[in-house]
């Protein structure tokens, strides 16, 4: 009987020790399983992002070079004042006008306002802008044709103001303030 009682006590003691020691290990195992699930989910999300990136890259690479040049003209990746001046000079020459002077003002940061229920926030726009002052000379008809060409052109331009004064016989002096845009560098 004594041997049976000692066996029962030892068996009960071993069960208690097993469950108290293993409870700590079970908690550690559960924590590690949760971490493994989180890592697996992160890996799955990374695979989905990589697939989406590859699809977008394939679409981007499928764009025809001529169309890519048009896109880069509409919204270039950087501001090139010389290239813009040459484009304006070519458009003016095509319309029998002459450029007296051109000046560029430093780029200013652009902020978009986003309205929310609590307060309005200023968020940086994905583009930058520069102001161009242009003094040109020509007839009214030529100026009108120049504006039409600028409107139909690929370069994104906003004409902010136009001032004019009488020049020599049937010509006018025009002062234009223009804004142009380009994409910010994201890296």
Foldseek 3Di string as FASTA:
>chain_A
DVVVVVVVVVVVVVVVVCCVVVVVVVVVVVVVVVVVVVVVVVVVVVVVVVVVVVVVVVVVVPDDPVVVVLVCQAANADDDPVVVVVVLQVLLVVLVKHWPDKDKDDKDWDWDWDDDPPGIDTHTDQKIKIKMKTKMKDAPSSVVSSVVCVVPDSFDKDWPDWDWDDDPDRMIIIITIMMGMHGYDPD
